[in-house]
Amino acid sequence: MQILKILSTVFKRGKTAFGKSLFAKMQGYGGRTIEGEIYQAPGVFARPDITGKVIGVLAQNGGINIVVCTNDYNYNKAIADGEAVLYSIIDGIIKGTVHVDQAGQVILNEGTDYAVAFEDLKREFEELQSQYNTHTHGGILPGGASTATTSAPSVADIDTTKVEKVRIP
């Protein structure tokens, strides 16, 4: 095994692979260049940003080079046991993070803004809209304001705010 600096990555099909995979060109001892397939944990796929200090640990399997793990020294976050952080980094700048803490809470982008559960928000919004559309003003003296319901009911709709991709600054 040896530790190598990752120089570039490419998505392609390897000689013995079942499908396309991520390959890295790496620089080893004495400036030697080696290519190897990056093996990753199921459920996680990441393409390292090679502009910083990213290394890979290379092993060989039947004459095929395999990168068994990588480490990115650009991003280091002190997290507790059992926690996980996913992050996106381009040119050494972190573009987004997803942190799952010990309580199972998902914290987006270091908690700099909020996200909502859309269906819960919609239910509360529709209840408020219904109260607005049916409210009356009691105790009005003759000749004063009307006690009737609102003449122009709200037709506000929040369905257009529902998105599948969330970006919180």
C-alpha atoms as a PDB file:
ATOM      1  CA  MET A   1       0.000   0.000   0.000  1.00  0.00           C
ATOM      2  CA  GLN A   2       1.091   3.522  -0.655  1.00  0.00           C
ATOM      3  CA  ILE A   3      -0.262   7.027  -0.122  1.00  0.00           C
ATOM      4  CA  LEU A   4      -0.549   9.076  -3.311  1.00  0.00           C
ATOM      5  CA  LYS A   5      -1.631  12.617  -4.220  1.00  0.00           C
ATOM      6  CA  ILE A   6      -4.718  12.632  -6.471  1.00  0.00           C
ATOM      7  CA  LEU A   7      -4.041  14.688  -9.619  1.00  0.00           C
ATOM      8  CA  SER A   8      -7.271  14.184 -11.596  1.00  0.00           C
ATOM      9  CA  THR A   9     -10.372  12.015 -11.787  1.00  0.00           C
ATOM     10  CA  VAL A  10     -12.427  10.595 -14.649  1.00  0.00           C
ATOM     11  CA  PHE A  11     -15.704   8.643 -14.805  1.00  0.00           C
ATOM     12  CA  LYS A  12     -15.281   5.594 -17.058  1.00  0.00           C
ATOM     13  CA  ARG A  13     -15.619   1.827 -17.292  1.00  0.00           C
ATOM     14  CA  GLY A  14     -12.631  -0.139 -16.086  1.00  0.00           C
ATOM     15  CA  LYS A  15     -11.243  -3.371 -17.526  1.00  0.00           C
ATOM     16  CA  THR A  16     -13.030  -5.705 -15.110  1.00  0.00           C
ATOM     17  CA  ALA A  17     -15.753  -3.403 -13.742  1.00  0.00           C
ATOM     18  CA  PHE A  18     -19.491  -4.155 -13.927  1.00  0.00           C
ATOM     19  CA  GLY A  19     -20.196  -0.575 -15.033  1.00  0.00           C
ATOM     20  CA  LYS A  20     -18.741   2.924 -15.020  1.00  0.00           C
ATOM     21  CA  SER A  21     -16.798   4.015 -11.993  1.00  0.00           C
ATOM     22  CA  LEU A  22     -14.575   6.837 -10.802  1.00  0.00           C
ATOM     23  CA  PHE A  23     -10.864   6.558 -11.583  1.00  0.00           C
ATOM     24  CA  ALA A  24      -8.052   8.726 -10.239  1.00  0.00           C
ATOM     25  CA  LYS A  25      -4.702   9.636 -11.714  1.00  0.00           C
ATOM     26  CA  MET A  26      -2.282   9.906  -8.804  1.00  0.00           C
ATOM     27  CA  GLN A  27       1.301  10.890  -8.197  1.00  0.00           C
ATOM     28  CA  GLY A  28       3.369   8.479  -6.178  1.00  0.00           C
ATOM     29  CA  TYR A  29       6.873   8.369  -4.824  1.00  0.00           C
ATOM     30  CA  GLY A  30       9.503   9.797  -7.142  1.00  0.00           C
ATOM     31  CA  GLY A  31       6.847  11.527  -9.263  1.00  0.00           C
ATOM     32  CA  ARG A  32       5.547   8.250 -10.737  1.00  0.00           C
ATOM     33  CA  THR A  33       1.969   8.522 -12.134  1.00  0.00           C
ATOM     34  CA  ILE A  34      -0.480   5.707 -11.379  1.00  0.00           C
ATOM     35  CA  GLU A  35      -4.169   5.275 -12.262  1.00  0.00           C
ATOM     36  CA  GLY A  36      -6.596   3.406 -10.023  1.00  0.00           C
ATOM     37  CA  GLU A  37     -10.313   2.881  -9.519  1.00  0.00           C
ATOM     38  CA  ILE A  38     -11.713   4.650  -6.442  1.00  0.00           C
ATOM     39  CA  TYR A  39     -13.717   2.219  -4.304  1.00  0.00           C
ATOM     40  CA  GLN A  40     -16.386   3.869  -2.147  1.00  0.00           C
ATOM     41  CA  ALA A  41     -18.862   2.831   0.505  1.00  0.00           C
ATOM     42  CA  PRO A  42     -22.318   1.840  -0.780  1.00  0.00           C
ATOM     43  CA  GLY A  43     -24.749   4.749  -0.627  1.00  0.00           C
ATOM     44  CA  VAL A  44     -22.031   7.381  -0.898  1.00  0.00           C
ATOM     45  CA  PHE A  45     -20.504   8.637  -4.123  1.00  0.00           C
ATOM     46  CA  ALA A  46     -18.030  11.478  -4.136  1.00  0.00           C
ATOM     47  CA  ARG A  47     -15.654  12.901  -6.684  1.00  0.00           C
ATOM     48  CA  PRO A  48     -12.766  14.603  -4.874  1.00  0.00           C
ATOM     49  CA  ASP A  49     -11.855  18.219  -5.621  1.00  0.00           C
ATOM     50  CA  ILE A  50      -8.230  17.758  -6.640  1.00  0.00           C
ATOM     51  CA  THR A  51      -7.220  21.416  -6.241  1.00  0.00           C
ATOM     52  CA  GLY A  52      -6.290  20.893  -2.616  1.00  0.00           C
ATOM     53  CA  LYS A  53      -4.631  18.352  -0.408  1.00  0.00           C
ATOM     54  CA  VAL A  54      -6.412  15.138  -1.393  1.00  0.00           C
ATOM     55  CA  ILE A  55      -4.664  11.811  -1.000  1.00  0.00           C
ATOM     56  CA  GLY A  56      -5.575   8.219  -1.762  1.00  0.00           C
ATOM     57  CA  VAL A  57      -4.380   4.912  -0.366  1.00  0.00           C
ATOM     58  CA  LEU A  58      -3.575   2.548  -3.216  1.00  0.00           C
ATOM     59  CA  ALA A  59      -3.751  -1.236  -3.092  1.00  0.00           C
ATOM     60  CA  GLN A  60      -3.549  -3.833  -5.839  1.00  0.00           C
ATOM     61  CA  ASN A  61      -6.103  -6.510  -6.565  1.00  0.00           C
ATOM     62  CA  GLY A  62      -5.030  -9.007  -9.215  1.00  0.00           C
ATOM     63  CA  GLY A  63      -2.829  -6.444 -10.944  1.00  0.00           C
ATOM     64  CA  ILE A  64      -5.560  -3.767 -10.879  1.00  0.00           C
ATOM     65  CA  ASN A  65      -4.890  -0.594  -8.908  1.00  0.00           C
ATOM     66  CA  ILE A  66      -7.613   0.237  -6.374  1.00  0.00           C
ATOM     67  CA  VAL A  67      -7.894   3.394  -4.281  1.00  0.00           C
ATOM     68  CA  VAL A  68      -9.352   2.005  -1.064  1.00  0.00           C
ATOM     69  CA  CYS A  69      -9.828   5.335   0.692  1.00  0.00           C
ATOM     70  CA  THR A  70      -9.282   9.038   0.241  1.00  0.00           C
ATOM     71  CA  ASN A  71      -8.783  11.918   2.617  1.00  0.00           C
ATOM     72  CA  ASP A  72      -9.393  15.591   1.925  1.00  0.00           C
ATOM     73  CA  TYR A  73      -7.343  17.817   4.197  1.00  0.00           C
ATOM     74  CA  ASN A  74      -9.292  20.864   2.938  1.00  0.00           C
ATOM     75  CA  TYR A  75     -12.300  19.998   5.108  1.00  0.00           C
ATOM     76  CA  ASN A  76     -11.931  18.930   8.695  1.00  0.00           C
ATOM     77  CA  LYS A  77     -14.862  19.201  11.071  1.00  0.00           C
ATOM     78  CA  ALA A  78     -14.796  17.963  14.632  1.00  0.00           C
ATOM     79  CA  ILE A  79     -17.853  15.700  14.845  1.00  0.00           C
ATOM     80  CA  ALA A  80     -18.987  13.365  17.595  1.00  0.00           C
ATOM     81  CA  ASP A  81     -19.002   9.563  17.474  1.00  0.00           C
ATOM     82  CA  GLY A  82     -21.702   8.253  15.148  1.00  0.00           C
ATOM     83  CA  GLU A  83     -22.133  11.524  13.246  1.00  0.00           C
ATOM     84  CA  ALA A  84     -21.597  12.022   9.514  1.00  0.00           C
ATOM     85  CA  VAL A  85     -20.962  15.004   7.250  1.00  0.00           C
ATOM     86  CA  LEU A  86     -21.345  15.144   3.483  1.00  0.00           C
ATOM     87  CA  TYR A  87     -19.880  18.166   1.760  1.00  0.00           C
ATOM     88  CA  SER A  88     -19.308  19.617  -1.672  1.00  0.00           C
ATOM     89  CA  ILE A  89     -16.063  21.444  -2.323  1.00  0.00           C
ATOM     90  CA  ILE A  90     -14.906  23.151  -5.518  1.00  0.00           C
ATOM     91  CA  ASP A  91     -11.550  24.915  -5.886  1.00  0.00           C
ATOM     92  CA  GLY A  92     -11.013  24.518  -2.159  1.00  0.00           C
ATOM     93  CA  ILE A  93     -14.244  26.373  -1.296  1.00  0.00           C
ATOM     94  CA  ILE A  94     -17.027  24.514   0.533  1.00  0.00           C
ATOM     95  CA  LYS A  95     -20.273  24.924  -1.419  1.00  0.00           C
ATOM     96  CA  GLY A  96     -22.607  22.959   0.835  1.00  0.00           C
ATOM     97  CA  THR A  97     -22.758  20.569   3.795  1.00  0.00           C
ATOM     98  CA  VAL A  98     -25.204  18.031   5.188  1.00  0.00           C
ATOM     99  CA  HIS A  99     -24.453  17.078   8.803  1.00  0.00           C
ATOM    100  CA  VAL A 100     -26.358  14.277  10.555  1.00  0.00           C
ATOM    101  CA  ASP A 101     -25.794  14.642  14.296  1.00  0.00           C
ATOM    102  CA  GLN A 102     -26.093  12.101  17.125  1.00  0.00           C
ATOM    103  CA  ALA A 103     -29.778  12.962  17.633  1.00  0.00           C
ATOM    104  CA  GLY A 104     -30.491  12.178  13.969  1.00  0.00           C
ATOM    105  CA  GLN A 105     -31.055  15.834  13.085  1.00  0.00           C
ATOM    106  CA  VAL A 106     -30.050  16.890   9.572  1.00  0.00           C
ATOM    107  CA  ILE A 107     -28.245  20.228   9.608  1.00  0.00           C
ATOM    108  CA  LEU A 108     -27.855  21.902   6.216  1.00  0.00           C
ATOM    109  CA  ASN A 109     -24.944  24.273   5.532  1.00  0.00           C
ATOM    110  CA  GLU A 110     -23.837  24.598   9.152  1.00  0.00           C
ATOM    111  CA  GLY A 111     -27.346  25.653  10.210  1.00  0.00           C
ATOM    112  CA  THR A 112     -27.062  29.095   8.574  1.00  0.00           C
ATOM    113  CA  ASP A 113     -30.734  29.066   7.514  1.00  0.00           C
ATOM    114  CA  TYR A 114     -33.866  26.955   7.908  1.00  0.00           C
ATOM    115  CA  ALA A 115     -35.702  24.408   5.808  1.00  0.00           C
ATOM    116  CA  VAL A 116     -39.329  23.368   6.340  1.00  0.00           C
ATOM    117  CA  ALA A 117     -41.379  20.215   6.111  1.00  0.00           C
ATOM    118  CA  PHE A 118     -43.578  21.315   3.205  1.00  0.00           C
ATOM    119  CA  GLU A 119     -46.663  19.228   3.982  1.00  0.00           C
ATOM    120  CA  ASP A 120     -46.707  20.519   7.592  1.00  0.00           C
ATOM    121  CA  LEU A 121     -46.305  24.113   6.372  1.00  0.00           C
ATOM    122  CA  LYS A 122     -49.076  23.638   3.798  1.00  0.00           C
ATOM    123  CA  ARG A 123     -51.488  22.223   6.394  1.00  0.00           C
ATOM    124  CA  GLU A 124     -50.874  25.191   8.735  1.00  0.00           C
ATOM    125  CA  PHE A 125     -51.143  27.650   5.828  1.00  0.00           C
ATOM    126  CA  GLU A 126     -54.472  26.186   4.687  1.00  0.00           C
ATOM    127  CA  GLU A 127     -55.841  26.381   8.242  1.00  0.00           C
ATOM    128  CA  LEU A 128     -54.832  30.054   8.462  1.00  0.00           C
ATOM    129  CA  GLN A 129     -56.312  30.714   5.008  1.00  0.00           C
ATOM    130  CA  SER A 130     -59.605  29.070   6.037  1.00  0.00           C
ATOM    131  CA  GLN A 131     -59.800  31.153   9.217  1.00  0.00           C
ATOM    132  CA  TYR A 132     -59.131  34.312   7.205  1.00  0.00           C
ATOM    133  CA  ASN A 133     -61.754  33.480   4.580  1.00  0.00           C
ATOM    134  CA  THR A 134     -64.487  32.699   7.141  1.00  0.00           C
ATOM    135  CA  HIS A 135     -63.818  35.244   9.883  1.00  0.00           C
ATOM    136  CA  THR A 136     -66.431  37.819  10.864  1.00  0.00           C
ATOM    137  CA  HIS A 137     -66.387  40.811  13.164  1.00  0.00           C
ATOM    138  CA  GLY A 138     -69.023  40.601  15.869  1.00  0.00           C
ATOM    139  CA  GLY A 139     -70.303  43.395  18.119  1.00  0.00           C
ATOM    140  CA  ILE A 140     -70.591  45.948  15.314  1.00  0.00           C
ATOM    141  CA  LEU A 141     -73.237  48.610  15.986  1.00  0.00           C
ATOM    142  CA  PRO A 142     -75.834  49.469  13.291  1.00  0.00           C
ATOM    143  CA  GLY A 143     -74.401  51.834  10.720  1.00  0.00           C
ATOM    144  CA  GLY A 144     -70.855  50.637  11.510  1.00  0.00           C
ATOM    145  CA  ALA A 145     -68.683  48.180   9.640  1.00  0.00           C
ATOM    146  CA  SER A 146     -70.053  44.951   8.158  1.00  0.00           C
ATOM    147  CA  THR A 147     -70.143  41.675  10.079  1.00  0.00           C
ATOM    148  CA  ALA A 148     -70.054  39.663   6.853  1.00  0.00           C
ATOM    149  CA  THR A 149     -67.186  37.418   5.866  1.00  0.00           C
ATOM    150  CA  THR A 150     -64.326  38.827   3.815  1.00  0.00           C
ATOM    151  CA  SER A 151     -65.587  40.020   0.427  1.00  0.00           C
ATOM    152  CA  ALA A 152     -62.480  38.811  -1.395  1.00  0.00           C
ATOM    153  CA  PRO A 153     -61.412  35.421  -0.032  1.00  0.00           C
ATOM    154  CA  SER A 154     -57.746  34.557  -0.149  1.00  0.00           C
ATOM    155  CA  VAL A 155     -56.697  32.447  -3.117  1.00  0.00           C
ATOM    156  CA  ALA A 156     -53.053  32.356  -2.064  1.00  0.00           C
ATOM    157  CA  ASP A 157     -51.324  29.068  -2.901  1.00  0.00           C
ATOM    158  CA  ILE A 158     -47.965  27.845  -1.624  1.00  0.00           C
ATOM    159  CA  ASP A 159     -47.734  24.770  -3.868  1.00  0.00           C
ATOM    160  CA  THR A 160     -45.308  26.601  -6.165  1.00  0.00           C
ATOM    161  CA  THR A 161     -42.817  26.870  -3.291  1.00  0.00           C
ATOM    162  CA  LYS A 162     -42.357  23.104  -3.148  1.00  0.00           C
ATOM    163  CA  VAL A 163     -38.953  22.115  -4.534  1.00  0.00           C
ATOM    164  CA  GLU A 164     -36.986  18.889  -4.747  1.00  0.00           C
ATOM    165  CA  LYS A 165     -33.581  20.561  -4.552  1.00  0.00           C
ATOM    166  CA  VAL A 166     -32.852  22.699  -1.509  1.00  0.00           C
ATOM    167  CA  ARG A 167     -30.163  25.358  -1.437  1.00  0.00           C
ATOM    168  CA  ILE A 168     -29.752  27.200   1.825  1.00  0.00           C
ATOM    169  CA  PRO A 169     -27.147  29.975   1.740  1.00  0.00           C
END
